[in-house]
Amino acid sequence: MEFLEKIQELFPNGFVKNDLQKVRCPIFVMHGDQDPIVGVEHSHYVIKNISDSRLHRFPKGSHNLHFTFAKEFKQLVEDFLSDVDDGY
């Protein structure tokens, strides 16, 4: 959440690919393999270029994972936040 609050400060010209290395907080990327809007290559690019990042893919998921897979989505986020909290 802190990252989202500071995104304009960190990326005044917008969020561009070359700036991903500047991200220093843990990032959890979730991707639906059937997403018609964002291809999985974007998720792979993010996790490759942000050192403390991880990816969880939903093979049957689309762009609205938080609705379609609400229970699993919530648990994954809670687990991620718990892991991050334990590490800091």
N, C-alpha and C. Protein backbone atom coordinates (compact mmCIF):
# COMPACT_ATOMS: atom_id res chain seq x y z
N MET A 1 0.82 -1.19 0.00
CA MET A 1 0.00 0.00 0.00
C MET A 1 0.87 1.25 0.00
N GLU A 2 1.98 1.20 0.72
CA GLU A 2 2.87 2.35 0.72
C GLU A 2 3.39 2.64 -0.68
N PHE A 3 3.68 1.57 -1.42
CA PHE A 3 4.15 1.74 -2.78
C PHE A 3 3.10 2.45 -3.63
N LEU A 4 1.85 2.04 -3.50
CA LEU A 4 0.79 2.68 -4.27
C LEU A 4 0.64 4.15 -3.92
N GLU A 5 0.84 4.46 -2.64
CA GLU A 5 0.74 5.85 -2.21
C GLU A 5 1.88 6.70 -2.77
N LYS A 6 3.04 6.09 -2.99
CA LYS A 6 4.22 6.84 -3.43
C LYS A 6 4.52 6.68 -4.92
N ILE A 7 3.64 6.03 -5.65
CA ILE A 7 3.94 5.73 -7.06
C ILE A 7 4.18 6.99 -7.88
N GLN A 8 3.43 8.05 -7.62
CA GLN A 8 3.64 9.30 -8.38
C GLN A 8 5.00 9.91 -8.05
N GLU A 9 5.40 9.81 -6.79
CA GLU A 9 6.70 10.35 -6.38
C GLU A 9 7.85 9.54 -7.00
N LEU A 10 7.71 8.22 -7.00
CA LEU A 10 8.76 7.36 -7.52
C LEU A 10 8.84 7.37 -9.05
N PHE A 11 7.68 7.52 -9.68
CA PHE A 11 7.60 7.47 -11.14
C PHE A 11 6.83 8.68 -11.67
N PRO A 12 7.41 9.88 -11.58
CA PRO A 12 6.68 11.09 -11.98
C PRO A 12 6.28 11.11 -13.46
N ASN A 13 6.98 10.38 -14.30
CA ASN A 13 6.66 10.33 -15.72
C ASN A 13 5.85 9.10 -16.08
N GLY A 14 5.28 8.46 -15.10
CA GLY A 14 4.51 7.25 -15.35
C GLY A 14 5.34 6.02 -15.02
N PHE A 15 4.67 4.92 -14.99
CA PHE A 15 5.28 3.64 -14.63
C PHE A 15 5.79 2.99 -15.90
N VAL A 16 7.09 3.04 -16.10
CA VAL A 16 7.68 2.49 -17.32
C VAL A 16 8.56 1.30 -17.00
N LYS A 17 8.74 0.45 -17.96
CA LYS A 17 9.48 -0.80 -17.78
C LYS A 17 10.87 -0.60 -17.18
N ASN A 18 11.57 0.42 -17.62
CA ASN A 18 12.95 0.61 -17.17
C ASN A 18 13.06 1.01 -15.70
N ASP A 19 11.96 1.38 -15.09
CA ASP A 19 11.98 1.81 -13.69
C ASP A 19 11.71 0.69 -12.71
N LEU A 20 11.40 -0.48 -13.17
CA LEU A 20 11.05 -1.57 -12.25
C LEU A 20 12.17 -1.90 -11.28
N GLN A 21 13.42 -1.74 -11.69
CA GLN A 21 14.54 -2.05 -10.81
C GLN A 21 14.58 -1.14 -9.59
N LYS A 22 13.88 -0.01 -9.64
CA LYS A 22 13.84 0.93 -8.52
C LYS A 22 12.92 0.44 -7.39
N VAL A 23 12.06 -0.50 -7.68
CA VAL A 23 11.12 -1.00 -6.68
C VAL A 23 11.89 -1.82 -5.66
N ARG A 24 11.76 -1.47 -4.38
CA ARG A 24 12.52 -2.12 -3.32
C ARG A 24 11.63 -2.83 -2.30
N CYS A 25 10.35 -2.88 -2.53
CA CYS A 25 9.46 -3.56 -1.60
C CYS A 25 9.03 -4.89 -2.22
N PRO A 26 8.62 -5.84 -1.41
CA PRO A 26 8.15 -7.12 -1.94
C PRO A 26 6.90 -6.92 -2.80
N ILE A 27 6.84 -7.62 -3.90
CA ILE A 27 5.72 -7.52 -4.85
C ILE A 27 5.16 -8.92 -5.08
N PHE A 28 3.85 -9.02 -5.03
CA PHE A 28 3.16 -10.28 -5.31
C PHE A 28 2.29 -10.08 -6.54
N VAL A 29 2.62 -10.78 -7.60
CA VAL A 29 1.90 -10.66 -8.86
C VAL A 29 0.99 -11.88 -9.01
N MET A 30 -0.27 -11.63 -9.30
CA MET A 30 -1.20 -12.72 -9.59
C MET A 30 -1.70 -12.53 -11.02
N HIS A 31 -1.72 -13.62 -11.75
CA HIS A 31 -2.12 -13.53 -13.15
C HIS A 31 -3.08 -14.65 -13.52
N GLY A 32 -4.14 -14.29 -14.21
CA GLY A 32 -5.06 -15.27 -14.76
C GLY A 32 -4.61 -15.62 -16.17
N ASP A 33 -4.37 -16.90 -16.42
CA ASP A 33 -3.86 -17.32 -17.72
C ASP A 33 -4.84 -17.07 -18.87
N GLN A 34 -6.09 -16.83 -18.55
CA GLN A 34 -7.08 -16.55 -19.59
C GLN A 34 -7.45 -15.06 -19.64
N ASP A 35 -6.58 -14.23 -19.10
CA ASP A 35 -6.82 -12.78 -19.08
C ASP A 35 -6.74 -12.23 -20.50
N PRO A 36 -7.84 -11.62 -20.99
CA PRO A 36 -7.83 -11.06 -22.34
C PRO A 36 -7.20 -9.67 -22.41
N ILE A 37 -6.88 -9.08 -21.25
CA ILE A 37 -6.37 -7.71 -21.22
C ILE A 37 -4.86 -7.67 -21.03
N VAL A 38 -4.34 -8.50 -20.11
CA VAL A 38 -2.92 -8.48 -19.78
C VAL A 38 -2.34 -9.88 -20.01
N GLY A 39 -1.37 -9.98 -20.89
CA GLY A 39 -0.73 -11.26 -21.18
C GLY A 39 0.24 -11.66 -20.08
N VAL A 40 0.49 -12.95 -19.96
CA VAL A 40 1.38 -13.46 -18.92
C VAL A 40 2.81 -12.94 -19.08
N GLU A 41 3.19 -12.53 -20.27
CA GLU A 41 4.53 -12.00 -20.47
C GLU A 41 4.77 -10.76 -19.61
N HIS A 42 3.72 -10.00 -19.32
CA HIS A 42 3.85 -8.82 -18.45
C HIS A 42 4.21 -9.25 -17.03
N SER A 43 3.56 -10.29 -16.55
CA SER A 43 3.85 -10.80 -15.21
C SER A 43 5.28 -11.31 -15.13
N HIS A 44 5.70 -12.03 -16.14
CA HIS A 44 7.07 -12.56 -16.15
C HIS A 44 8.09 -11.43 -16.20
N TYR A 45 7.80 -10.39 -16.94
CA TYR A 45 8.70 -9.24 -17.01
C TYR A 45 8.83 -8.57 -15.64
N VAL A 46 7.70 -8.42 -14.96
CA VAL A 46 7.72 -7.78 -13.64
C VAL A 46 8.55 -8.59 -12.66
N ILE A 47 8.30 -9.89 -12.58
CA ILE A 47 9.04 -10.68 -11.59
C ILE A 47 10.52 -10.83 -11.95
N LYS A 48 10.82 -10.73 -13.23
CA LYS A 48 12.23 -10.79 -13.64
C LYS A 48 12.96 -9.50 -13.27
N ASN A 49 12.25 -8.39 -13.25
CA ASN A 49 12.88 -7.08 -13.06
C ASN A 49 12.68 -6.45 -11.69
N ILE A 50 11.96 -7.10 -10.82
CA ILE A 50 11.84 -6.64 -9.43
C ILE A 50 12.41 -7.75 -8.57
N SER A 51 13.47 -7.43 -7.85
CA SER A 51 14.22 -8.48 -7.16
C SER A 51 13.39 -9.26 -6.14
N ASP A 52 12.56 -8.61 -5.37
CA ASP A 52 11.79 -9.30 -4.34
C ASP A 52 10.34 -9.43 -4.80
N SER A 53 10.13 -10.28 -5.79
CA SER A 53 8.78 -10.46 -6.32
C SER A 53 8.49 -11.93 -6.53
N ARG A 54 7.22 -12.24 -6.53
CA ARG A 54 6.80 -13.62 -6.79
C ARG A 54 5.51 -13.60 -7.60
N LEU A 55 5.29 -14.70 -8.29
CA LEU A 55 4.14 -14.82 -9.20
C LEU A 55 3.31 -16.03 -8.83
N HIS A 56 1.99 -15.83 -8.83
CA HIS A 56 1.04 -16.95 -8.70
C HIS A 56 0.11 -16.87 -9.90
N ARG A 57 0.02 -17.97 -10.62
CA ARG A 57 -0.84 -18.01 -11.81
C ARG A 57 -2.09 -18.82 -11.54
N PHE A 58 -3.20 -18.33 -12.09
CA PHE A 58 -4.47 -19.02 -12.04
C PHE A 58 -4.75 -19.54 -13.45
N PRO A 59 -4.58 -20.84 -13.70
CA PRO A 59 -4.75 -21.38 -15.05
C PRO A 59 -6.13 -21.09 -15.65
N LYS A 60 -7.17 -21.08 -14.85
CA LYS A 60 -8.52 -20.83 -15.36
C LYS A 60 -8.99 -19.41 -15.08
N GLY A 61 -8.08 -18.57 -14.61
CA GLY A 61 -8.45 -17.20 -14.23
C GLY A 61 -8.43 -16.24 -15.39
N SER A 62 -9.22 -15.18 -15.24
CA SER A 62 -9.27 -14.11 -16.22
C SER A 62 -8.75 -12.84 -15.54
N HIS A 63 -9.29 -11.69 -15.90
CA HIS A 63 -8.80 -10.41 -15.37
C HIS A 63 -9.39 -10.08 -14.00
N ASN A 64 -10.45 -10.76 -13.60
CA ASN A 64 -11.14 -10.43 -12.35
C ASN A 64 -10.93 -11.50 -11.28
N LEU A 65 -9.69 -11.87 -11.05
CA LEU A 65 -9.34 -12.93 -10.10
C LEU A 65 -9.94 -12.70 -8.72
N HIS A 66 -9.94 -11.46 -8.28
CA HIS A 66 -10.42 -11.14 -6.95
C HIS A 66 -11.91 -11.42 -6.78
N PHE A 67 -12.65 -11.53 -7.87
CA PHE A 67 -14.06 -11.92 -7.81
C PHE A 67 -14.23 -13.42 -8.02
N THR A 68 -13.68 -13.90 -9.10
CA THR A 68 -13.87 -15.30 -9.50
C THR A 68 -13.25 -16.29 -8.52
N PHE A 69 -12.11 -15.95 -8.00
CA PHE A 69 -11.39 -16.82 -7.06
C PHE A 69 -11.20 -16.10 -5.73
N ALA A 70 -12.25 -15.49 -5.25
CA ALA A 70 -12.17 -14.61 -4.08
C ALA A 70 -11.53 -15.27 -2.86
N LYS A 71 -11.95 -16.47 -2.54
CA LYS A 71 -11.43 -17.13 -1.34
C LYS A 71 -9.94 -17.43 -1.48
N GLU A 72 -9.54 -18.02 -2.61
CA GLU A 72 -8.13 -18.33 -2.83
C GLU A 72 -7.30 -17.05 -2.93
N PHE A 73 -7.83 -16.05 -3.62
CA PHE A 73 -7.16 -14.77 -3.77
C PHE A 73 -6.88 -14.16 -2.39
N LYS A 74 -7.91 -14.13 -1.56
CA LYS A 74 -7.78 -13.57 -0.22
C LYS A 74 -6.73 -14.32 0.59
N GLN A 75 -6.76 -15.64 0.53
CA GLN A 75 -5.79 -16.43 1.29
C GLN A 75 -4.37 -16.19 0.81
N LEU A 76 -4.19 -16.12 -0.49
CA LEU A 76 -2.86 -15.85 -1.05
C LEU A 76 -2.32 -14.50 -0.61
N VAL A 77 -3.18 -13.49 -0.62
CA VAL A 77 -2.76 -12.16 -0.18
C VAL A 77 -2.42 -12.17 1.30
N GLU A 78 -3.25 -12.81 2.11
CA GLU A 78 -2.96 -12.90 3.55
C GLU A 78 -1.64 -13.62 3.80
N ASP A 79 -1.41 -14.71 3.09
CA ASP A 79 -0.15 -15.46 3.25
C ASP A 79 1.05 -14.60 2.85
N PHE A 80 0.92 -13.90 1.73
CA PHE A 80 2.00 -13.02 1.27
C PHE A 80 2.28 -11.93 2.30
N LEU A 81 1.24 -11.28 2.79
CA LEU A 81 1.44 -10.22 3.77
C LEU A 81 2.03 -10.75 5.07
N SER A 82 1.62 -11.94 5.43
CA SER A 82 2.18 -12.56 6.63
C SER A 82 3.66 -12.87 6.43
N ASP A 83 4.02 -13.40 5.28
CA ASP A 83 5.43 -13.68 4.97
C ASP A 83 6.26 -12.41 4.97
N VAL A 84 5.72 -11.35 4.36
CA VAL A 84 6.43 -10.07 4.29
C VAL A 84 6.61 -9.51 5.69
N ASP A 85 5.55 -9.58 6.50
CA ASP A 85 5.61 -9.06 7.86
C ASP A 85 6.65 -9.81 8.69
N ASP A 86 6.75 -11.12 8.49
CA ASP A 86 7.72 -11.93 9.23
C ASP A 86 9.15 -11.60 8.84
N GLY A 87 9.32 -11.16 7.60
CA GLY A 87 10.67 -10.89 7.11
C GLY A 87 11.17 -9.49 7.38
N TYR A 88 10.35 -8.63 7.93
CA TYR A 88 10.77 -7.24 8.16
C TYR A 88 10.70 -6.87 9.61
